[in-house]
Amino acid sequence: DQVEFGLYESVDGESRVRSGVARLKPESGEVTFRDE
């Protein structure tokens, strides 16, 4: 029920990694995010 998503970007040698989490509620089919 946990979905992790992330982005890795490298521009002219400078890198940035960002990730987030969403939760799947199988009984309702809803996806909610951990926070704003």
PDB file of all heavy atoms in Angstrom:
ATOM      1  N   ASP A   1       0.807  -1.216   0.000  1.00  0.00           N
ATOM      2  CA  ASP A   1       0.000   0.000   0.000  1.00  0.00           C
ATOM      3  C   ASP A   1       0.844   1.272   0.000  1.00  0.00           C
ATOM      4  O   ASP A   1       0.306   2.373   0.089  1.00  0.00           O
ATOM      5  CB  ASP A   1      -0.969   0.002   1.186  1.00  0.00           C
ATOM      6  CG  ASP A   1      -0.261   0.066   2.531  1.00  0.00           C
ATOM      7  OD1 ASP A   1       0.977  -0.091   2.575  1.00  0.00           O
ATOM      8  OD2 ASP A   1      -0.951   0.280   3.538  1.00  0.00           O
ATOM      9  N   GLN A   2       2.159   1.143  -0.108  1.00  0.00           N
ATOM     10  CA  GLN A   2       3.032   2.315  -0.128  1.00  0.00           C
ATOM     11  C   GLN A   2       3.629   2.517  -1.516  1.00  0.00           C
ATOM     12  O   GLN A   2       4.165   1.592  -2.113  1.00  0.00           O
ATOM     13  CB  GLN A   2       4.163   2.181   0.892  1.00  0.00           C
ATOM     14  CG  GLN A   2       5.062   3.400   0.918  1.00  0.00           C
ATOM     15  CD  GLN A   2       5.966   3.420   2.120  1.00  0.00           C
ATOM     16  OE1 GLN A   2       5.491   3.371   3.248  1.00  0.00           O
ATOM     17  NE2 GLN A   2       7.263   3.489   1.900  1.00  0.00           N
ATOM     18  N   VAL A   3       3.521   3.740  -2.023  1.00  0.00           N
ATOM     19  CA  VAL A   3       4.061   4.091  -3.331  1.00  0.00           C
ATOM     20  C   VAL A   3       5.100   5.186  -3.123  1.00  0.00           C
ATOM     21  O   VAL A   3       4.775   6.264  -2.618  1.00  0.00           O
ATOM     22  CB  VAL A   3       2.963   4.602  -4.291  1.00  0.00           C
ATOM     23  CG1 VAL A   3       3.561   4.945  -5.651  1.00  0.00           C
ATOM     24  CG2 VAL A   3       1.845   3.593  -4.429  1.00  0.00           C
ATOM     25  N   GLU A   4       6.352   4.890  -3.458  1.00  0.00           N
ATOM     26  CA  GLU A   4       7.408   5.895  -3.382  1.00  0.00           C
ATOM     27  C   GLU A   4       7.674   6.398  -4.793  1.00  0.00           C
ATOM     28  O   GLU A   4       7.710   5.629  -5.739  1.00  0.00           O
ATOM     29  CB  GLU A   4       8.681   5.300  -2.797  1.00  0.00           C
ATOM     30  CG  GLU A   4       8.545   4.886  -1.347  1.00  0.00           C
ATOM     31  CD  GLU A   4       9.840   4.348  -0.770  1.00  0.00           C
ATOM     32  OE1 GLU A   4      10.927   4.698  -1.279  1.00  0.00           O
ATOM     33  OE2 GLU A   4       9.762   3.572   0.189  1.00  0.00           O
ATOM     34  N   PHE A   5       7.863   7.707  -4.912  1.00  0.00           N
ATOM     35  CA  PHE A   5       8.183   8.287  -6.206  1.00  0.00           C
ATOM     36  C   PHE A   5       9.344   9.250  -5.999  1.00  0.00           C
ATOM     37  O   PHE A   5       9.495   9.848  -4.938  1.00  0.00           O
ATOM     38  CB  PHE A   5       6.969   8.988  -6.837  1.00  0.00           C
ATOM     39  CG  PHE A   5       6.288   9.983  -5.930  1.00  0.00           C
ATOM     40  CD1 PHE A   5       6.613  11.319  -5.988  1.00  0.00           C
ATOM     41  CD2 PHE A   5       5.326   9.569  -5.028  1.00  0.00           C
ATOM     42  CE1 PHE A   5       5.991  12.243  -5.153  1.00  0.00           C
ATOM     43  CE2 PHE A   5       4.693  10.469  -4.194  1.00  0.00           C
ATOM     44  CZ  PHE A   5       5.026  11.816  -4.264  1.00  0.00           C
ATOM     45  N   GLY A   6      10.211   9.344  -7.009  1.00  0.00           N
ATOM     46  CA  GLY A   6      11.375  10.196  -6.849  1.00  0.00           C
ATOM     47  C   GLY A   6      11.885  10.745  -8.160  1.00  0.00           C
ATOM     48  O   GLY A   6      11.620  10.202  -9.233  1.00  0.00           O
ATOM     49  N   LEU A   7      12.630  11.836  -8.023  1.00  0.00           N
ATOM     50  CA  LEU A   7      13.253  12.499  -9.161  1.00  0.00           C
ATOM     51  C   LEU A   7      14.736  12.678  -8.882  1.00  0.00           C
ATOM     52  O   LEU A   7      15.116  13.068  -7.778  1.00  0.00           O
ATOM     53  CB  LEU A   7      12.656  13.893  -9.376  1.00  0.00           C
ATOM     54  CG  LEU A   7      11.274  13.997  -9.949  1.00  0.00           C
ATOM     55  CD1 LEU A   7      10.780  15.433  -9.849  1.00  0.00           C
ATOM     56  CD2 LEU A   7      11.280  13.554 -11.398  1.00  0.00           C
ATOM     57  N   TYR A   8      15.557  12.386  -9.878  1.00  0.00           N
ATOM     58  CA  TYR A   8      16.986  12.674  -9.826  1.00  0.00           C
ATOM     59  C   TYR A   8      17.276  13.588 -11.002  1.00  0.00           C
ATOM     60  O   TYR A   8      16.907  13.281 -12.133  1.00  0.00           O
ATOM     61  CB  TYR A   8      17.821  11.399  -9.938  1.00  0.00           C
ATOM     62  CG  TYR A   8      19.278  11.689 -10.197  1.00  0.00           C
ATOM     63  CD1 TYR A   8      20.126  12.020  -9.149  1.00  0.00           C
ATOM     64  CD2 TYR A   8      19.798  11.676 -11.485  1.00  0.00           C
ATOM     65  CE1 TYR A   8      21.461  12.320  -9.385  1.00  0.00           C
ATOM     66  CE2 TYR A   8      21.130  11.966 -11.734  1.00  0.00           C
ATOM     67  CZ  TYR A   8      21.949  12.284 -10.676  1.00  0.00           C
ATOM     68  OH  TYR A   8      23.270  12.589 -10.906  1.00  0.00           O
ATOM     69  N   GLU A   9      17.898  14.723 -10.719  1.00  0.00           N
ATOM     70  CA  GLU A   9      18.241  15.673 -11.780  1.00  0.00           C
ATOM     71  C   GLU A   9      19.706  16.072 -11.637  1.00  0.00           C
ATOM     72  O   GLU A   9      20.177  16.321 -10.534  1.00  0.00           O
ATOM     73  CB  GLU A   9      17.376  16.929 -11.675  1.00  0.00           C
ATOM     74  CG  GLU A   9      15.900  16.639 -11.742  1.00  0.00           C
ATOM     75  CD  GLU A   9      15.059  17.774 -11.214  1.00  0.00           C
ATOM     76  OE1 GLU A   9      15.280  18.209 -10.076  1.00  0.00           O
ATOM     77  OE2 GLU A   9      14.181  18.220 -11.965  1.00  0.00           O
ATOM     78  N   SER A  10      20.392  16.142 -12.746  1.00  0.00           N
ATOM     79  CA  SER A  10      21.762  16.625 -12.779  1.00  0.00           C
ATOM     80  C   SER A  10      21.861  17.650 -13.909  1.00  0.00           C
ATOM     81  O   SER A  10      21.625  17.323 -15.067  1.00  0.00           O
ATOM     82  CB  SER A  10      22.739  15.476 -13.026  1.00  0.00           C
ATOM     83  OG  SER A  10      24.061  15.976 -13.098  1.00  0.00           O
ATOM     84  N   VAL A  11      22.166  18.891 -13.532  1.00  0.00           N
ATOM     85  CA  VAL A  11      22.281  19.975 -14.503  1.00  0.00           C
ATOM     86  C   VAL A  11      23.671  20.577 -14.358  1.00  0.00           C
ATOM     87  O   VAL A  11      24.027  21.088 -13.293  1.00  0.00           O
ATOM     88  CB  VAL A  11      21.200  21.058 -14.276  1.00  0.00           C
ATOM     89  CG1 VAL A  11      21.362  22.188 -15.276  1.00  0.00           C
ATOM     90  CG2 VAL A  11      19.811  20.459 -14.352  1.00  0.00           C
ATOM     91  N   ASP A  12      24.451  20.475 -15.437  1.00  0.00           N
ATOM     92  CA  ASP A  12      25.819  21.009 -15.442  1.00  0.00           C
ATOM     93  C   ASP A  12      26.618  20.585 -14.215  1.00  0.00           C
ATOM     94  O   ASP A  12      27.305  21.374 -13.587  1.00  0.00           O
ATOM     95  CB  ASP A  12      25.790  22.536 -15.564  1.00  0.00           C
ATOM     96  CG  ASP A  12      25.213  22.993 -16.889  1.00  0.00           C
ATOM     97  OD1 ASP A  12      25.404  22.272 -17.889  1.00  0.00           O
ATOM     98  OD2 ASP A  12      24.556  24.048 -16.926  1.00  0.00           O
ATOM     99  N   GLY A  13      26.482  19.306 -13.846  1.00  0.00           N
ATOM    100  CA  GLY A  13      27.275  18.738 -12.761  1.00  0.00           C
ATOM    101  C   GLY A  13      26.688  18.907 -11.370  1.00  0.00           C
ATOM    102  O   GLY A  13      27.207  18.352 -10.415  1.00  0.00           O
ATOM    103  N   GLU A  14      25.625  19.658 -11.209  1.00  0.00           N
ATOM    104  CA  GLU A  14      24.983  19.800  -9.908  1.00  0.00           C
ATOM    105  C   GLU A  14      23.774  18.883  -9.850  1.00  0.00           C
ATOM    106  O   GLU A  14      22.903  18.932 -10.708  1.00  0.00           O
ATOM    107  CB  GLU A  14      24.566  21.249  -9.673  1.00  0.00           C
ATOM    108  CG  GLU A  14      25.766  22.165  -9.522  1.00  0.00           C
ATOM    109  CD  GLU A  14      25.391  23.497  -8.913  1.00  0.00           C
ATOM    110  OE1 GLU A  14      24.390  23.564  -8.162  1.00  0.00           O
ATOM    111  OE2 GLU A  14      26.089  24.465  -9.204  1.00  0.00           O
ATOM    112  N   SER A  15      23.734  18.044  -8.813  1.00  0.00           N
ATOM    113  CA  SER A  15      22.688  17.025  -8.705  1.00  0.00           C
ATOM    114  C   SER A  15      21.691  17.354  -7.600  1.00  0.00           C
ATOM    115  O   SER A  15      22.030  17.998  -6.608  1.00  0.00           O
ATOM    116  CB  SER A  15      23.305  15.664  -8.401  1.00  0.00           C
ATOM    117  OG  SER A  15      24.172  15.290  -9.432  1.00  0.00           O
ATOM    118  N   ARG A  16      20.478  16.851  -7.808  1.00  0.00           N
ATOM    119  CA  ARG A  16      19.430  17.024  -6.805  1.00  0.00           C
ATOM    120  C   ARG A  16      18.556  15.769  -6.828  1.00  0.00           C
ATOM    121  O   ARG A  16      18.160  15.296  -7.895  1.00  0.00           O
ATOM    122  CB  ARG A  16      18.605  18.256  -7.122  1.00  0.00           C
ATOM    123  CG  ARG A  16      17.506  18.517  -6.118  1.00  0.00           C
ATOM    124  CD  ARG A  16      16.935  19.892  -6.261  1.00  0.00           C
ATOM    125  NE  ARG A  16      16.072  19.981  -7.428  1.00  0.00           N
ATOM    126  CZ  ARG A  16      15.136  20.904  -7.559  1.00  0.00           C
ATOM    127  NH1 ARG A  16      14.973  21.822  -6.645  1.00  0.00           N
ATOM    128  NH2 ARG A  16      14.382  20.917  -8.639  1.00  0.00           N
ATOM    129  N   VAL A  17      18.262  15.254  -5.658  1.00  0.00           N
ATOM    130  CA  VAL A  17      17.389  14.083  -5.512  1.00  0.00           C
ATOM    131  C   VAL A  17      16.218  14.481  -4.620  1.00  0.00           C
ATOM    132  O   VAL A  17      16.422  15.073  -3.560  1.00  0.00           O
ATOM    133  CB  VAL A  17      18.141  12.890  -4.884  1.00  0.00           C
ATOM    134  CG1 VAL A  17      17.210  11.712  -4.664  1.00  0.00           C
ATOM    135  CG2 VAL A  17      19.329  12.495  -5.729  1.00  0.00           C
ATOM    136  N   ARG A  18      15.012  14.170  -5.072  1.00  0.00           N
ATOM    137  CA  ARG A  18      13.816  14.444  -4.275  1.00  0.00           C
ATOM    138  C   ARG A  18      12.925  13.216  -4.314  1.00  0.00           C
ATOM    139  O   ARG A  18      12.831  12.552  -5.345  1.00  0.00           O
ATOM    140  CB  ARG A  18      13.055  15.651  -4.834  1.00  0.00           C
ATOM    141  CG  ARG A  18      13.886  16.916  -4.786  1.00  0.00           C
ATOM    142  CD  ARG A  18      13.176  18.085  -5.418  1.00  0.00           C
ATOM    143  NE  ARG A  18      13.104  17.888  -6.872  1.00  0.00           N
ATOM    144  CZ  ARG A  18      12.217  18.464  -7.660  1.00  0.00           C
ATOM    145  NH1 ARG A  18      11.295  19.251  -7.161  1.00  0.00           N
ATOM    146  NH2 ARG A  18      12.225  18.255  -8.955  1.00  0.00           N
ATOM    147  N   SER A  19      12.274  12.919  -3.198  1.00  0.00           N
ATOM    148  CA  SER A  19      11.370  11.768  -3.187  1.00  0.00           C
ATOM    149  C   SER A  19      10.184  12.036  -2.280  1.00  0.00           C
ATOM    150  O   SER A  19      10.243  12.879  -1.383  1.00  0.00           O
ATOM    151  CB  SER A  19      12.104  10.501  -2.749  1.00  0.00           C
ATOM    152  OG  SER A  19      12.568  10.641  -1.427  1.00  0.00           O
ATOM    153  N   GLY A  20       9.117  11.308  -2.554  1.00  0.00           N
ATOM    154  CA  GLY A  20       7.896  11.446  -1.775  1.00  0.00           C
ATOM    155  C   GLY A  20       7.207  10.102  -1.615  1.00  0.00           C
ATOM    156  O   GLY A  20       7.592   9.117  -2.236  1.00  0.00           O
ATOM    157  N   VAL A  21       6.168  10.103  -0.785  1.00  0.00           N
ATOM    158  CA  VAL A  21       5.437   8.874  -0.481  1.00  0.00           C
ATOM    159  C   VAL A  21       3.941   9.123  -0.595  1.00  0.00           C
ATOM    160  O   VAL A  21       3.439  10.166  -0.168  1.00  0.00           O
ATOM    161  CB  VAL A  21       5.768   8.374   0.946  1.00  0.00           C
ATOM    162  CG1 VAL A  21       4.906   7.186   1.337  1.00  0.00           C
ATOM    163  CG2 VAL A  21       7.238   8.034   1.061  1.00  0.00           C
ATOM    164  N   ALA A  22       3.268   8.153  -1.180  1.00  0.00           N
ATOM    165  CA  ALA A  22       1.807   8.137  -1.216  1.00  0.00           C
ATOM    166  C   ALA A  22       1.346   6.788  -0.684  1.00  0.00           C
ATOM    167  O   ALA A  22       2.080   5.805  -0.752  1.00  0.00           O
ATOM    168  CB  ALA A  22       1.301   8.346  -2.638  1.00  0.00           C
ATOM    169  N   ARG A  23       0.164   6.773  -0.147  1.00  0.00           N
ATOM    170  CA  ARG A  23      -0.403   5.522   0.371  1.00  0.00           C
ATOM    171  C   ARG A  23      -1.640   5.158  -0.437  1.00  0.00           C
ATOM    172  O   ARG A  23      -2.474   5.995  -0.730  1.00  0.00           O
ATOM    173  CB  ARG A  23      -0.797   5.683   1.832  1.00  0.00           C
ATOM    174  CG  ARG A  23       0.368   6.010   2.708  1.00  0.00           C
ATOM    175  CD  ARG A  23       0.553   4.952   3.745  1.00  0.00           C
ATOM    176  NE  ARG A  23       1.636   5.332   4.638  1.00  0.00           N
ATOM    177  CZ  ARG A  23       2.790   4.705   4.671  1.00  0.00           C
ATOM    178  NH1 ARG A  23       3.004   3.693   3.882  1.00  0.00           N
ATOM    179  NH2 ARG A  23       3.734   5.082   5.495  1.00  0.00           N
ATOM    180  N   LEU A  24      -1.723   3.883  -0.769  1.00  0.00           N
ATOM    181  CA  LEU A  24      -2.860   3.346  -1.503  1.00  0.00           C
ATOM    182  C   LEU A  24      -3.802   2.684  -0.510  1.00  0.00           C
ATOM    183  O   LEU A  24      -3.377   1.869   0.305  1.00  0.00           O
ATOM    184  CB  LEU A  24      -2.372   2.327  -2.537  1.00  0.00           C
ATOM    185  CG  LEU A  24      -3.421   1.542  -3.294  1.00  0.00           C
ATOM    186  CD1 LEU A  24      -4.315   2.477  -4.106  1.00  0.00           C
ATOM    187  CD2 LEU A  24      -2.759   0.527  -4.203  1.00  0.00           C
ATOM    188  N   LYS A  25      -5.065   3.057  -0.585  1.00  0.00           N
ATOM    189  CA  LYS A  25      -6.089   2.418   0.245  1.00  0.00           C
ATOM    190  C   LYS A  25      -6.845   1.444  -0.656  1.00  0.00           C
ATOM    191  O   LYS A  25      -7.745   1.847  -1.392  1.00  0.00           O
ATOM    192  CB  LYS A  25      -7.035   3.459   0.828  1.00  0.00           C
ATOM    193  CG  LYS A  25      -6.346   4.422   1.765  1.00  0.00           C
ATOM    194  CD  LYS A  25      -7.329   5.437   2.301  1.00  0.00           C
ATOM    195  CE  LYS A  25      -6.630   6.402   3.230  1.00  0.00           C
ATOM    196  NZ  LYS A  25      -7.550   7.443   3.706  1.00  0.00           N
ATOM    197  N   PRO A  26      -6.442   0.162  -0.652  1.00  0.00           N
ATOM    198  CA  PRO A  26      -7.008  -0.813  -1.591  1.00  0.00           C
ATOM    199  C   PRO A  26      -8.526  -0.927  -1.533  1.00  0.00           C
ATOM    200  O   PRO A  26      -9.183  -1.094  -2.558  1.00  0.00           O
ATOM    201  CB  PRO A  26      -6.343  -2.132  -1.199  1.00  0.00           C
ATOM    202  CG  PRO A  26      -5.150  -1.764  -0.402  1.00  0.00           C
ATOM    203  CD  PRO A  26      -5.461  -0.445   0.234  1.00  0.00           C
ATOM    204  N   GLU A  27      -9.094  -0.823  -0.349  1.00  0.00           N
ATOM    205  CA  GLU A  27     -10.538  -1.005  -0.226  1.00  0.00           C
ATOM    206  C   GLU A  27     -11.331   0.095  -0.935  1.00  0.00           C
ATOM    207  O   GLU A  27     -12.408  -0.142  -1.453  1.00  0.00           O
ATOM    208  CB  GLU A  27     -10.967  -1.106   1.246  1.00  0.00           C
ATOM    209  CG  GLU A  27     -10.712   0.140   2.088  1.00  0.00           C
ATOM    210  CD  GLU A  27      -9.271   0.327   2.554  1.00  0.00           C
ATOM    211  OE1 GLU A  27      -8.441  -0.576   2.380  1.00  0.00           O
ATOM    212  OE2 GLU A  27      -8.975   1.406   3.088  1.00  0.00           O
ATOM    213  N   SER A  28     -10.769   1.313  -1.012  1.00  0.00           N
ATOM    214  CA  SER A  28     -11.486   2.420  -1.653  1.00  0.00           C
ATOM    215  C   SER A  28     -10.875   2.836  -2.992  1.00  0.00           C
ATOM    216  O   SER A  28     -11.499   3.573  -3.752  1.00  0.00           O
ATOM    217  CB  SER A  28     -11.500   3.635  -0.719  1.00  0.00           C
ATOM    218  OG  SER A  28     -10.181   4.150  -0.561  1.00  0.00           O
ATOM    219  N   GLY A  29      -9.643   2.380  -3.254  1.00  0.00           N
ATOM    220  CA  GLY A  29      -8.963   2.787  -4.481  1.00  0.00           C
ATOM    221  C   GLY A  29      -8.412   4.207  -4.415  1.00  0.00           C
ATOM    222  O   GLY A  29      -7.988   4.757  -5.418  1.00  0.00           O
ATOM    223  N   GLU A  30      -8.398   4.791  -3.226  1.00  0.00           N
ATOM    224  CA  GLU A  30      -7.893   6.154  -3.044  1.00  0.00           C
ATOM    225  C   GLU A  30      -6.383   6.139  -2.813  1.00  0.00           C
ATOM    226  O   GLU A  30      -5.840   5.230  -2.203  1.00  0.00           O
ATOM    227  CB  GLU A  30      -8.557   6.828  -1.841  1.00  0.00           C
ATOM    228  CG  GLU A  30     -10.019   7.152  -2.047  1.00  0.00           C
ATOM    229  CD  GLU A  30     -10.246   8.275  -3.039  1.00  0.00           C
ATOM    230  OE1 GLU A  30      -9.507   9.260  -3.015  1.00  0.00           O
ATOM    231  OE2 GLU A  30     -11.173   8.136  -3.855  1.00  0.00           O
ATOM    232  N   VAL A  31      -5.735   7.188  -3.318  1.00  0.00           N
ATOM    233  CA  VAL A  31      -4.314   7.403  -3.077  1.00  0.00           C
ATOM    234  C   VAL A  31      -4.201   8.706  -2.291  1.00  0.00           C
ATOM    235  O   VAL A  31      -4.756   9.730  -2.700  1.00  0.00           O
ATOM    236  CB  VAL A  31      -3.514   7.510  -4.395  1.00  0.00           C
ATOM    237  CG1 VAL A  31      -2.059   7.860  -4.118  1.00  0.00           C
ATOM    238  CG2 VAL A  31      -3.603   6.210  -5.181  1.00  0.00           C
ATOM    239  N   THR A  32      -3.528   8.654  -1.146  1.00  0.00           N
ATOM    240  CA  THR A  32      -3.328   9.858  -0.340  1.00  0.00           C
ATOM    241  C   THR A  32      -1.830  10.095  -0.179  1.00  0.00           C
ATOM    242  O   THR A  32      -1.038   9.152  -0.181  1.00  0.00           O
ATOM    243  CB  THR A  32      -3.975   9.725   1.050  1.00  0.00           C
ATOM    244  OG1 THR A  32      -3.433   8.579   1.718  1.00  0.00           O
ATOM    245  CG2 THR A  32      -5.483   9.557   0.943  1.00  0.00           C
ATOM    246  N   PHE A  33      -1.469  11.343  -0.031  1.00  0.00           N
ATOM    247  CA  PHE A  33      -0.061  11.700   0.133  1.00  0.00           C
ATOM    248  C   PHE A  33       0.264  11.860   1.611  1.00  0.00           C
ATOM    249  O   PHE A  33      -0.607  12.210   2.411  1.00  0.00           O
ATOM    250  CB  PHE A  33       0.253  12.982  -0.640  1.00  0.00           C
ATOM    251  CG  PHE A  33       0.083  12.799  -2.123  1.00  0.00           C
ATOM    252  CD1 PHE A  33      -1.113  13.124  -2.750  1.00  0.00           C
ATOM    253  CD2 PHE A  33       1.099  12.255  -2.880  1.00  0.00           C
ATOM    254  CE1 PHE A  33      -1.291  12.930  -4.115  1.00  0.00           C
ATOM    255  CE2 PHE A  33       0.936  12.042  -4.239  1.00  0.00           C
ATOM    256  CZ  PHE A  33      -0.257  12.388  -4.853  1.00  0.00           C
ATOM    257  N   ARG A  34       1.521  11.624   1.934  1.00  0.00           N
ATOM    258  CA  ARG A  34       1.975  11.703   3.320  1.00  0.00           C
ATOM    259  C   ARG A  34       1.741  13.101   3.885  1.00  0.00           C
ATOM    260  O   ARG A  34       1.329  13.264   5.023  1.00  0.00           O
ATOM    261  CB  ARG A  34       3.450  11.315   3.383  1.00  0.00           C
ATOM    262  CG  ARG A  34       4.081  11.354   4.724  1.00  0.00           C
ATOM    263  CD  ARG A  34       5.493  10.842   4.715  1.00  0.00           C
ATOM    264  NE  ARG A  34       6.306  11.497   3.690  1.00  0.00           N
ATOM    265  CZ  ARG A  34       7.530  11.118   3.375  1.00  0.00           C
ATOM    266  NH1 ARG A  34       8.080  10.096   3.985  1.00  0.00           N
ATOM    267  NH2 ARG A  34       8.208  11.746   2.441  1.00  0.00           N
ATOM    268  N   ASP A  35       2.012  14.113   3.051  1.00  0.00           N
ATOM    269  CA  ASP A  35       1.810  15.496   3.471  1.00  0.00           C
ATOM    270  C   ASP A  35       1.707  16.388   2.240  1.00  0.00           C
ATOM    271  O   ASP A  35       1.804  15.904   1.097  1.00  0.00           O
ATOM    272  CB  ASP A  35       2.937  15.967   4.397  1.00  0.00           C
ATOM    273  CG  ASP A  35       4.328  15.797   3.807  1.00  0.00           C
ATOM    274  OD1 ASP A  35       4.486  15.864   2.562  1.00  0.00           O
ATOM    275  OD2 ASP A  35       5.282  15.597   4.579  1.00  0.00           O
ATOM    276  N   GLU A  36       1.495  17.664   2.454  1.00  0.00           N
ATOM    277  CA  GLU A  36       1.314  18.601   1.349  1.00  0.00           C
ATOM    278  C   GLU A  36       2.582  18.713   0.494  1.00  0.00           C
ATOM    279  O   GLU A  36       2.507  18.865  -0.727  1.00  0.00           O
ATOM    280  CB  GLU A  36       0.933  19.976   1.900  1.00  0.00           C
ATOM    281  CG  GLU A  36       0.480  20.936   0.822  1.00  0.00           C
ATOM    282  CD  GLU A  36      -0.044  22.239   1.398  1.00  0.00           C
ATOM    283  OE1 GLU A  36      -0.872  22.178   2.329  1.00  0.00           O
ATOM    284  OE2 GLU A  36       0.381  23.294   0.896  1.00  0.00           O
TER     285      GLU A  36
END
